[in-house]
C-alpha atoms as a PDB file:
ATOM      1  CA  MET A   1     -56.821  11.197  43.153  1.00  0.00           C
ATOM      2  CA  GLU A   2     -59.019  14.286  42.848  1.00  0.00           C
ATOM      3  CA  THR A   3     -56.016  16.555  42.248  1.00  0.00           C
ATOM      4  CA  ASN A   4     -54.876  14.273  39.421  1.00  0.00           C
ATOM      5  CA  ASP A   5     -58.332  14.423  37.880  1.00  0.00           C
ATOM      6  CA  LYS A   6     -58.363  18.212  38.138  1.00  0.00           C
ATOM      7  CA  LEU A   7     -54.899  18.452  36.598  1.00  0.00           C
ATOM      8  CA  LEU A   8     -55.943  16.207  33.726  1.00  0.00           C
ATOM      9  CA  LYS A   9     -59.128  18.194  33.087  1.00  0.00           C
ATOM     10  CA  ASP A  10     -57.195  21.459  33.148  1.00  0.00           C
ATOM     11  CA  PHE A  11     -54.538  20.093  30.790  1.00  0.00           C
ATOM     12  CA  PHE A  12     -57.026  18.775  28.258  1.00  0.00           C
ATOM     13  CA  SER A  13     -59.201  21.902  28.389  1.00  0.00           C
ATOM     14  CA  GLU A  14     -56.148  24.118  27.725  1.00  0.00           C
ATOM     15  CA  ASN A  15     -54.837  21.954  24.869  1.00  0.00           C
ATOM     16  CA  LYS A  16     -58.153  21.313  23.182  1.00  0.00           C
ATOM     17  CA  LYS A  17     -58.019  21.515  19.390  1.00  0.00           C
ATOM     18  CA  GLN A  18     -61.081  22.072  17.241  1.00  0.00           C
ATOM     19  CA  ILE A  19     -61.132  20.273  13.903  1.00  0.00           C
ATOM     20  CA  VAL A  20     -62.951  22.030  11.073  1.00  0.00           C
ATOM     21  CA  ASP A  21     -65.940  19.944  10.015  1.00  0.00           C
ATOM     22  CA  ASN A  22     -66.854  21.570   6.666  1.00  0.00           C
ATOM     23  CA  GLY A  23     -70.220  19.761   6.655  1.00  0.00           C
ATOM     24  CA  PHE A  24     -68.670  16.279   6.893  1.00  0.00           C
ATOM     25  CA  THR A  25     -70.914  15.193   9.780  1.00  0.00           C
ATOM     26  CA  LYS A  26     -74.122  16.186   7.952  1.00  0.00           C
ATOM     27  CA  ARG A  27     -73.041  14.321   4.807  1.00  0.00           C
ATOM     28  CA  VAL A  28     -72.282  11.163   6.785  1.00  0.00           C
ATOM     29  CA  ILE A  29     -75.612  11.300   8.636  1.00  0.00           C
ATOM     30  CA  ARG A  30     -77.514  11.753   5.354  1.00  0.00           C
ATOM     31  CA  LYS A  31     -75.850   8.641   3.894  1.00  0.00           C
ATOM     32  CA  LEU A  32     -76.646   6.406   6.878  1.00  0.00           C
ATOM     33  CA  PRO A  33     -79.360   3.827   6.110  1.00  0.00           C
ATOM     34  CA  GLU A  34     -82.825   4.271   7.609  1.00  0.00           C
ATOM     35  CA  GLN A  35     -83.514   2.187  10.706  1.00  0.00           C
ATOM     36  CA  SER A  36     -86.608   0.030  10.390  1.00  0.00           C
ATOM     37  CA  ASP A  37     -89.175  -0.057  13.183  1.00  0.00           C
ATOM     38  CA  ARG A  38     -88.790  -3.324  15.070  1.00  0.00           C
ATOM     39  CA  ALA A  39     -91.312  -2.679  17.846  1.00  0.00           C
ATOM     40  CA  TRP A  40     -93.508  -5.500  16.527  1.00  0.00           C
ATOM     41  CA  ILE A  41     -90.999  -8.031  17.876  1.00  0.00           C
ATOM     42  CA  ILE A  42     -91.876  -7.027  21.435  1.00  0.00           C
ATOM     43  CA  TRP A  43     -95.602  -7.583  20.820  1.00  0.00           C
ATOM     44  CA  VAL A  44     -95.007 -10.982  19.191  1.00  0.00           C
ATOM     45  CA  PHE A  45     -92.941 -12.240  22.121  1.00  0.00           C
ATOM     46  CA  ALA A  46     -95.409 -10.762  24.623  1.00  0.00           C
ATOM     47  CA  ALA A  47     -98.343 -12.513  22.904  1.00  0.00           C
ATOM     48  CA  PHE A  48     -96.380 -15.762  22.784  1.00  0.00           C
ATOM     49  CA  GLY A  49     -95.559 -15.462  26.495  1.00  0.00           C
ATOM     50  CA  VAL A  50     -99.189 -14.784  27.434  1.00  0.00           C
ATOM     51  CA  ALA A  51    -100.405 -17.718  25.327  1.00  0.00           C
ATOM     52  CA  LEU A  52     -97.792 -20.022  26.848  1.00  0.00           C
ATOM     53  CA  THR A  53     -98.730 -18.893  30.358  1.00  0.00           C
ATOM     54  CA  PHE A  54    -102.410 -19.595  29.757  1.00  0.00           C
ATOM     55  CA  TYR A  55    -101.634 -22.988  28.254  1.00  0.00           C
ATOM     56  CA  ILE A  56     -99.439 -24.021  31.186  1.00  0.00           C
ATOM     57  CA  GLY A  57    -101.963 -22.607  33.666  1.00  0.00           C
ATOM     58  CA  LEU A  58    -104.797 -24.603  32.132  1.00  0.00           C
ATOM     59  CA  GLN A  59    -102.795 -27.817  31.830  1.00  0.00           C
ATOM     60  CA  THR A  60    -101.494 -27.786  35.406  1.00  0.00           C
ATOM     61  CA  GLY A  61    -104.728 -26.694  37.082  1.00  0.00           C
ATOM     62  CA  LEU A  62    -103.116 -23.483  38.334  1.00  0.00           C
ATOM     63  CA  PHE A  63    -106.150 -21.324  37.561  1.00  0.00           C
ATOM     64  CA  GLU A  64    -108.460 -23.617  39.520  1.00  0.00           C
ATOM     65  CA  GLN A  65    -106.109 -23.434  42.502  1.00  0.00           C
ATOM     66  CA  ILE A  66    -105.989 -19.616  42.308  1.00  0.00           C
ATOM     67  CA  ILE A  67    -109.786 -19.402  42.221  1.00  0.00           C
ATOM     68  CA  PHE A  68    -109.993 -21.812  45.161  1.00  0.00           C
ATOM     69  CA  LEU A  69    -107.578 -19.657  47.189  1.00  0.00           C
ATOM     70  CA  LEU A  70    -109.355 -16.394  46.250  1.00  0.00           C
ATOM     71  CA  LYS A  71    -112.640 -17.796  47.561  1.00  0.00           C
ATOM     72  CA  LYS A  72    -111.038 -18.047  51.018  1.00  0.00           C
ATOM     73  CA  VAL A  73    -109.812 -14.424  51.071  1.00  0.00           C
ATOM     74  CA  PRO A  74    -112.232 -11.886  52.617  1.00  0.00           C
ATOM     75  CA  PHE A  75    -114.002  -9.654  50.108  1.00  0.00           C
ATOM     76  CA  TYR A  76    -112.664  -6.421  51.642  1.00  0.00           C
ATOM     77  CA  TYR A  77    -109.073  -7.538  51.067  1.00  0.00           C
ATOM     78  CA  LEU A  78    -109.804  -8.191  47.413  1.00  0.00           C
ATOM     79  CA  LEU A  79    -111.598  -4.874  47.079  1.00  0.00           C
ATOM     80  CA  ALA A  80    -108.677  -2.998  48.638  1.00  0.00           C
ATOM     81  CA  GLY A  81    -106.274  -4.797  46.287  1.00  0.00           C
ATOM     82  CA  VAL A  82    -108.330  -3.827  43.237  1.00  0.00           C
ATOM     83  CA  PHE A  83    -108.429  -0.183  44.315  1.00  0.00           C
ATOM     84  CA  CYS A  84    -104.637  -0.125  44.695  1.00  0.00           C
ATOM     85  CA  PHE A  85    -104.061  -0.913  41.002  1.00  0.00           C
ATOM     86  CA  PRO A  86    -104.886   2.624  39.722  1.00  0.00           C
ATOM     87  CA  LEU A  87    -102.593   4.137  42.351  1.00  0.00           C
ATOM     88  CA  LEU A  88     -99.759   1.841  41.310  1.00  0.00           C
ATOM     89  CA  GLY A  89    -100.413   2.659  37.652  1.00  0.00           C
ATOM     90  CA  ILE A  90    -100.322   6.404  38.284  1.00  0.00           C
ATOM     91  CA  ALA A  91     -97.127   6.069  40.317  1.00  0.00           C
ATOM     92  CA  GLY A  92     -95.562   3.980  37.547  1.00  0.00           C
ATOM     93  CA  CYS A  93     -96.505   6.552  34.892  1.00  0.00           C
ATOM     94  CA  TYR A  94     -95.128   9.380  37.000  1.00  0.00           C
ATOM     95  CA  LEU A  95     -91.848   7.569  37.625  1.00  0.00           C
ATOM     96  CA  SER A  96     -91.442   6.644  33.967  1.00  0.00           C
ATOM     97  CA  GLN A  97     -91.912  10.289  32.918  1.00  0.00           C
ATOM     98  CA  ASN A  98     -89.652  11.705  35.611  1.00  0.00           C
ATOM     99  CA  LYS A  99     -86.138  12.149  34.182  1.00  0.00           C
ATOM    100  CA  ALA A 100     -84.450  11.932  37.588  1.00  0.00           C
ATOM    101  CA  CYS A 101     -86.019   8.540  38.352  1.00  0.00           C
ATOM    102  CA  ARG A 102     -85.419   6.398  35.263  1.00  0.00           C
ATOM    103  CA  ILE A 103     -85.947   2.676  35.792  1.00  0.00           C
ATOM    104  CA  ILE A 104     -85.059   1.625  32.257  1.00  0.00           C
END
């Protein structure tokens, strides 16, 4: 399979034809319509999701149950969990900026 791939690459690289552009690409790009910024849609759905979560949490008594469970957890465990958030945030920022490790 690899020899076939190499033969195909060699064949196409030897028989490659360049078409003269004469500025056609630039003219087409200039005539394309401007794309509008639609980032607001993400914030609207995020706000709707947060509001829906709070509503369901209040109606079902979920928040009261979470507070009840957190009262039983030792303080040092909670403190350690809170101190882990900045580390996770820094690791997430590093991974999102690193080109070799793209999540999205």
